[in-house]
N, C-alpha and C. Protein backbone atom coordinates (compact mmCIF):
# COMPACT_ATOMS: atom_id res chain seq x y z
N MET A 1 12.07 -13.18 9.18
CA MET A 1 11.93 -13.30 10.61
C MET A 1 11.91 -14.77 11.00
N ASN A 2 12.62 -15.08 12.01
CA ASN A 2 12.67 -16.44 12.51
C ASN A 2 11.61 -16.61 13.59
N SER A 3 10.65 -17.50 13.36
CA SER A 3 9.57 -17.67 14.34
C SER A 3 10.03 -18.41 15.58
N ALA A 4 11.23 -19.02 15.56
CA ALA A 4 11.75 -19.69 16.74
C ALA A 4 12.43 -18.70 17.70
N ASP A 5 12.64 -17.50 17.25
CA ASP A 5 13.26 -16.47 18.08
C ASP A 5 12.34 -16.15 19.26
N PRO A 6 12.84 -16.17 20.51
CA PRO A 6 11.96 -15.92 21.66
C PRO A 6 11.42 -14.50 21.70
N ARG A 7 12.04 -13.57 20.98
CA ARG A 7 11.54 -12.19 20.96
C ARG A 7 10.46 -11.99 19.90
N HIS A 8 10.24 -12.98 19.05
CA HIS A 8 9.23 -12.89 18.00
C HIS A 8 7.84 -12.83 18.65
N PRO A 9 6.97 -11.93 18.17
CA PRO A 9 5.66 -11.77 18.80
C PRO A 9 4.84 -13.07 18.86
N TRP A 10 4.89 -13.88 17.81
CA TRP A 10 4.11 -15.12 17.83
C TRP A 10 4.65 -16.08 18.89
N ALA A 11 5.96 -16.13 19.03
CA ALA A 11 6.55 -17.02 20.04
C ALA A 11 6.15 -16.57 21.44
N ARG A 12 6.13 -15.27 21.68
CA ARG A 12 5.73 -14.78 23.00
C ARG A 12 4.26 -15.07 23.27
N LEU A 13 3.40 -14.88 22.25
CA LEU A 13 1.97 -15.14 22.45
C LEU A 13 1.70 -16.63 22.66
N ALA A 14 2.39 -17.47 21.91
CA ALA A 14 2.20 -18.91 22.08
C ALA A 14 2.71 -19.37 23.44
N ALA A 15 3.82 -18.80 23.91
CA ALA A 15 4.33 -19.16 25.23
C ALA A 15 3.37 -18.70 26.32
N GLY A 16 2.78 -17.53 26.13
CA GLY A 16 1.79 -17.05 27.10
C GLY A 16 0.54 -17.91 27.12
N ALA A 17 0.14 -18.43 25.96
CA ALA A 17 -1.04 -19.28 25.88
C ALA A 17 -0.78 -20.64 26.50
N ARG A 18 0.47 -21.12 26.47
CA ARG A 18 0.78 -22.43 27.05
C ARG A 18 0.87 -22.40 28.57
N GLN A 19 0.97 -21.23 29.17
CA GLN A 19 1.11 -21.13 30.62
C GLN A 19 -0.24 -21.33 31.29
N THR A 20 -0.65 -22.54 31.40
CA THR A 20 -1.93 -22.84 32.03
C THR A 20 -1.77 -24.08 32.90
N THR A 21 -2.49 -24.12 33.97
CA THR A 21 -2.46 -25.27 34.89
C THR A 21 -3.84 -25.92 34.96
N ALA A 22 -4.62 -25.79 33.88
CA ALA A 22 -5.98 -26.33 33.86
C ALA A 22 -5.95 -27.84 33.73
N ASP A 23 -7.05 -28.45 34.14
CA ASP A 23 -7.23 -29.89 34.02
C ASP A 23 -7.36 -30.25 32.54
N ALA A 24 -6.85 -31.40 32.14
CA ALA A 24 -6.89 -31.81 30.75
C ALA A 24 -8.31 -32.07 30.28
N ARG A 25 -9.24 -32.39 31.22
CA ARG A 25 -10.62 -32.68 30.84
C ARG A 25 -11.44 -31.41 30.63
N ASP A 26 -10.93 -30.28 31.02
CA ASP A 26 -11.66 -29.03 30.90
C ASP A 26 -11.64 -28.57 29.45
N VAL A 27 -12.82 -28.31 28.88
CA VAL A 27 -12.89 -27.92 27.48
C VAL A 27 -12.91 -26.41 27.30
N ALA A 28 -13.21 -25.68 28.34
CA ALA A 28 -13.24 -24.22 28.26
C ALA A 28 -11.85 -23.66 28.51
N ALA A 29 -11.61 -22.48 27.99
CA ALA A 29 -10.33 -21.82 28.23
C ALA A 29 -10.24 -21.47 29.71
N PRO A 30 -9.06 -21.58 30.31
CA PRO A 30 -8.92 -21.26 31.73
C PRO A 30 -9.19 -19.79 32.00
N TYR A 31 -9.52 -19.50 33.23
CA TYR A 31 -9.83 -18.14 33.64
C TYR A 31 -8.61 -17.25 33.41
N GLY A 32 -8.80 -16.15 32.75
CA GLY A 32 -7.72 -15.20 32.50
C GLY A 32 -6.91 -15.48 31.25
N PHE A 33 -7.25 -16.53 30.51
CA PHE A 33 -6.49 -16.89 29.31
C PHE A 33 -6.54 -15.76 28.26
N ALA A 34 -7.73 -15.31 27.92
CA ALA A 34 -7.87 -14.28 26.91
C ALA A 34 -7.23 -12.97 27.36
N THR A 35 -7.36 -12.66 28.65
CA THR A 35 -6.76 -11.44 29.17
C THR A 35 -5.25 -11.50 29.10
N ARG A 36 -4.68 -12.64 29.44
CA ARG A 36 -3.22 -12.78 29.42
C ARG A 36 -2.68 -12.68 27.99
N VAL A 37 -3.34 -13.34 27.03
CA VAL A 37 -2.87 -13.31 25.65
C VAL A 37 -3.04 -11.91 25.06
N THR A 38 -4.17 -11.25 25.38
CA THR A 38 -4.39 -9.89 24.89
C THR A 38 -3.37 -8.93 25.47
N ALA A 39 -3.06 -9.07 26.76
CA ALA A 39 -2.07 -8.20 27.39
C ALA A 39 -0.69 -8.40 26.77
N LEU A 40 -0.34 -9.63 26.47
CA LEU A 40 0.95 -9.88 25.81
C LEU A 40 0.98 -9.30 24.40
N ALA A 41 -0.15 -9.35 23.70
CA ALA A 41 -0.19 -8.83 22.33
C ALA A 41 -0.04 -7.31 22.33
N PHE A 42 -0.70 -6.63 23.28
CA PHE A 42 -0.60 -5.18 23.32
C PHE A 42 0.70 -4.70 23.93
N ALA A 43 1.40 -5.55 24.63
CA ALA A 43 2.68 -5.18 25.22
C ALA A 43 3.84 -5.33 24.24
N ALA A 44 3.55 -5.80 23.04
CA ALA A 44 4.61 -6.00 22.05
C ALA A 44 5.24 -4.67 21.70
N GLU A 45 6.53 -4.71 21.47
CA GLU A 45 7.27 -3.51 21.12
C GLU A 45 6.90 -3.09 19.71
N ARG A 46 6.72 -1.80 19.53
CA ARG A 46 6.42 -1.27 18.20
C ARG A 46 7.74 -1.19 17.43
N PRO A 47 7.74 -1.69 16.20
CA PRO A 47 8.98 -1.61 15.43
C PRO A 47 9.30 -0.15 15.10
N VAL A 48 10.57 0.13 15.05
CA VAL A 48 11.03 1.48 14.74
C VAL A 48 10.82 1.71 13.24
N VAL A 49 10.20 2.82 12.91
CA VAL A 49 9.95 3.15 11.51
C VAL A 49 11.26 3.61 10.89
N SER A 50 11.60 2.97 9.79
CA SER A 50 12.87 3.33 9.14
C SER A 50 12.74 4.65 8.39
N LEU A 51 13.86 5.25 8.14
CA LEU A 51 13.91 6.51 7.40
C LEU A 51 13.41 6.32 5.98
N PHE A 52 13.74 5.17 5.38
CA PHE A 52 13.29 4.86 4.02
C PHE A 52 11.77 4.78 3.96
N GLU A 53 11.16 4.14 4.96
CA GLU A 53 9.70 4.01 4.97
C GLU A 53 9.03 5.37 5.12
N ARG A 54 9.57 6.20 5.97
CA ARG A 54 8.99 7.52 6.19
C ARG A 54 9.04 8.36 4.90
N PHE A 55 10.19 8.35 4.21
CA PHE A 55 10.32 9.13 2.99
C PHE A 55 9.54 8.51 1.82
N SER A 56 9.41 7.19 1.79
CA SER A 56 8.66 6.57 0.70
C SER A 56 7.18 6.90 0.80
N LEU A 57 6.64 7.00 1.98
CA LEU A 57 5.24 7.37 2.13
C LEU A 57 5.03 8.83 1.73
N ARG A 58 5.97 9.69 2.05
CA ARG A 58 5.87 11.09 1.62
C ARG A 58 5.99 11.19 0.11
N ALA A 59 6.89 10.42 -0.47
CA ALA A 59 7.06 10.44 -1.92
C ALA A 59 5.79 9.94 -2.62
N LEU A 60 5.11 8.98 -2.05
CA LEU A 60 3.86 8.50 -2.62
C LEU A 60 2.81 9.60 -2.61
N GLY A 61 2.73 10.36 -1.55
CA GLY A 61 1.79 11.47 -1.48
C GLY A 61 2.12 12.56 -2.49
N VAL A 62 3.39 12.90 -2.63
CA VAL A 62 3.80 13.93 -3.59
C VAL A 62 3.52 13.46 -5.02
N ALA A 63 3.80 12.20 -5.31
CA ALA A 63 3.55 11.67 -6.65
C ALA A 63 2.06 11.67 -6.97
N SER A 64 1.24 11.34 -6.01
CA SER A 64 -0.22 11.37 -6.22
C SER A 64 -0.70 12.79 -6.47
N LEU A 65 -0.18 13.73 -5.71
CA LEU A 65 -0.56 15.13 -5.89
C LEU A 65 -0.14 15.64 -7.27
N LEU A 66 1.06 15.31 -7.71
CA LEU A 66 1.53 15.72 -9.04
C LEU A 66 0.69 15.09 -10.15
N ALA A 67 0.27 13.85 -9.96
CA ALA A 67 -0.57 13.21 -10.96
C ALA A 67 -1.91 13.91 -11.08
N LEU A 68 -2.50 14.27 -9.95
CA LEU A 68 -3.78 14.99 -9.98
C LEU A 68 -3.64 16.37 -10.62
N VAL A 69 -2.55 17.07 -10.32
CA VAL A 69 -2.33 18.40 -10.90
C VAL A 69 -2.13 18.29 -12.40
N SER A 70 -1.41 17.29 -12.86
CA SER A 70 -1.19 17.14 -14.31
C SER A 70 -2.47 16.79 -15.04
N VAL A 71 -3.33 15.99 -14.44
CA VAL A 71 -4.62 15.68 -15.07
C VAL A 71 -5.48 16.93 -15.13
N ALA A 72 -5.48 17.71 -14.05
CA ALA A 72 -6.28 18.95 -14.04
C ALA A 72 -5.75 19.96 -15.06
N ALA A 73 -4.45 20.04 -15.22
CA ALA A 73 -3.86 21.00 -16.16
C ALA A 73 -4.13 20.61 -17.61
N ASN A 74 -4.24 19.33 -17.89
CA ASN A 74 -4.45 18.86 -19.25
C ASN A 74 -5.87 18.36 -19.49
N TYR A 75 -6.81 18.83 -18.72
CA TYR A 75 -8.19 18.38 -18.85
C TYR A 75 -8.77 18.70 -20.21
N SER A 76 -8.41 19.84 -20.77
CA SER A 76 -8.95 20.22 -22.08
C SER A 76 -8.47 19.27 -23.17
N THR A 77 -7.30 18.72 -23.04
CA THR A 77 -6.79 17.76 -24.01
C THR A 77 -7.59 16.47 -23.96
N PHE A 78 -7.98 16.06 -22.77
CA PHE A 78 -8.74 14.82 -22.61
C PHE A 78 -10.17 14.96 -23.12
N THR A 79 -10.73 16.16 -23.01
CA THR A 79 -12.13 16.34 -23.38
C THR A 79 -12.33 16.81 -24.81
N SER A 80 -11.28 17.16 -25.53
CA SER A 80 -11.44 17.63 -26.91
C SER A 80 -11.86 16.45 -27.79
N THR A 81 -12.68 16.76 -28.80
CA THR A 81 -13.19 15.70 -29.68
C THR A 81 -12.24 15.39 -30.81
N GLY A 82 -11.35 16.28 -31.09
CA GLY A 82 -10.41 16.06 -32.18
C GLY A 82 -10.97 16.46 -33.53
N ALA A 83 -12.16 17.07 -33.58
CA ALA A 83 -12.76 17.47 -34.86
C ALA A 83 -11.95 18.57 -35.53
N GLU A 84 -11.32 19.44 -34.75
CA GLU A 84 -10.51 20.51 -35.33
C GLU A 84 -9.33 19.94 -36.09
N ASP A 85 -8.70 18.92 -35.55
CA ASP A 85 -7.54 18.32 -36.21
C ASP A 85 -7.94 17.61 -37.50
N GLU A 86 -9.09 16.95 -37.51
CA GLU A 86 -9.52 16.22 -38.69
C GLU A 86 -9.87 17.17 -39.83
N LEU A 87 -10.45 18.32 -39.52
CA LEU A 87 -10.82 19.28 -40.55
C LEU A 87 -9.60 19.92 -41.19
N SER A 88 -8.59 20.18 -40.41
CA SER A 88 -7.41 20.85 -40.95
C SER A 88 -6.56 19.94 -41.82
N LEU A 89 -6.61 18.64 -41.60
CA LEU A 89 -5.79 17.71 -42.36
C LEU A 89 -6.59 16.91 -43.38
N SER A 90 -7.87 17.21 -43.53
CA SER A 90 -8.69 16.39 -44.41
C SER A 90 -8.31 16.54 -45.88
N GLY A 91 -7.84 17.70 -46.32
CA GLY A 91 -7.50 17.90 -47.73
C GLY A 91 -6.05 17.57 -48.04
N ASP A 92 -5.24 17.28 -47.08
CA ASP A 92 -3.81 17.05 -47.31
C ASP A 92 -3.55 15.56 -47.58
N ASP A 93 -2.66 15.35 -48.49
CA ASP A 93 -2.21 14.01 -48.78
C ASP A 93 -1.00 13.73 -47.87
N PRO A 94 -1.04 12.68 -47.04
CA PRO A 94 0.06 12.44 -46.12
C PRO A 94 1.40 12.21 -46.81
N VAL A 95 1.39 11.57 -47.97
CA VAL A 95 2.64 11.32 -48.67
C VAL A 95 3.20 12.62 -49.21
N ALA A 96 2.35 13.50 -49.71
CA ALA A 96 2.80 14.79 -50.23
C ALA A 96 3.34 15.65 -49.09
N VAL A 97 2.72 15.60 -47.96
CA VAL A 97 3.19 16.39 -46.80
C VAL A 97 4.57 15.90 -46.38
N LEU A 98 4.78 14.60 -46.38
CA LEU A 98 6.08 14.05 -46.00
C LEU A 98 7.15 14.37 -47.03
N LEU A 99 6.81 14.28 -48.29
CA LEU A 99 7.80 14.57 -49.33
C LEU A 99 8.13 16.06 -49.42
N ASP A 100 7.14 16.93 -49.18
CA ASP A 100 7.40 18.37 -49.20
C ASP A 100 8.29 18.79 -48.03
N GLY A 101 8.18 18.11 -46.91
CA GLY A 101 8.97 18.48 -45.73
C GLY A 101 10.40 18.02 -45.81
N SER A 102 10.73 17.07 -46.69
CA SER A 102 12.09 16.56 -46.72
C SER A 102 12.98 17.25 -47.72
């Protein structure tokens, strides 16, 4: 974004803030300054939401939901201690198992 563009929100707000006829010795903001700048800020055009942005937010929600479902479906795998696996393989020699399978 080019900040020198007159349609840029910052350029419009800065131009609105410069529109004052106050005395140079006055240290307080002129009457209506905050109201004018606030009105210009709220009058800014809302950017059009792109189709990509709309679908990417939906895809993020679907991906989060799928992640939660997969964790819930595999909860027993996460909570198992693995003692069953250690007992079944404790008497086997890994080299013998590999050589017998080939």
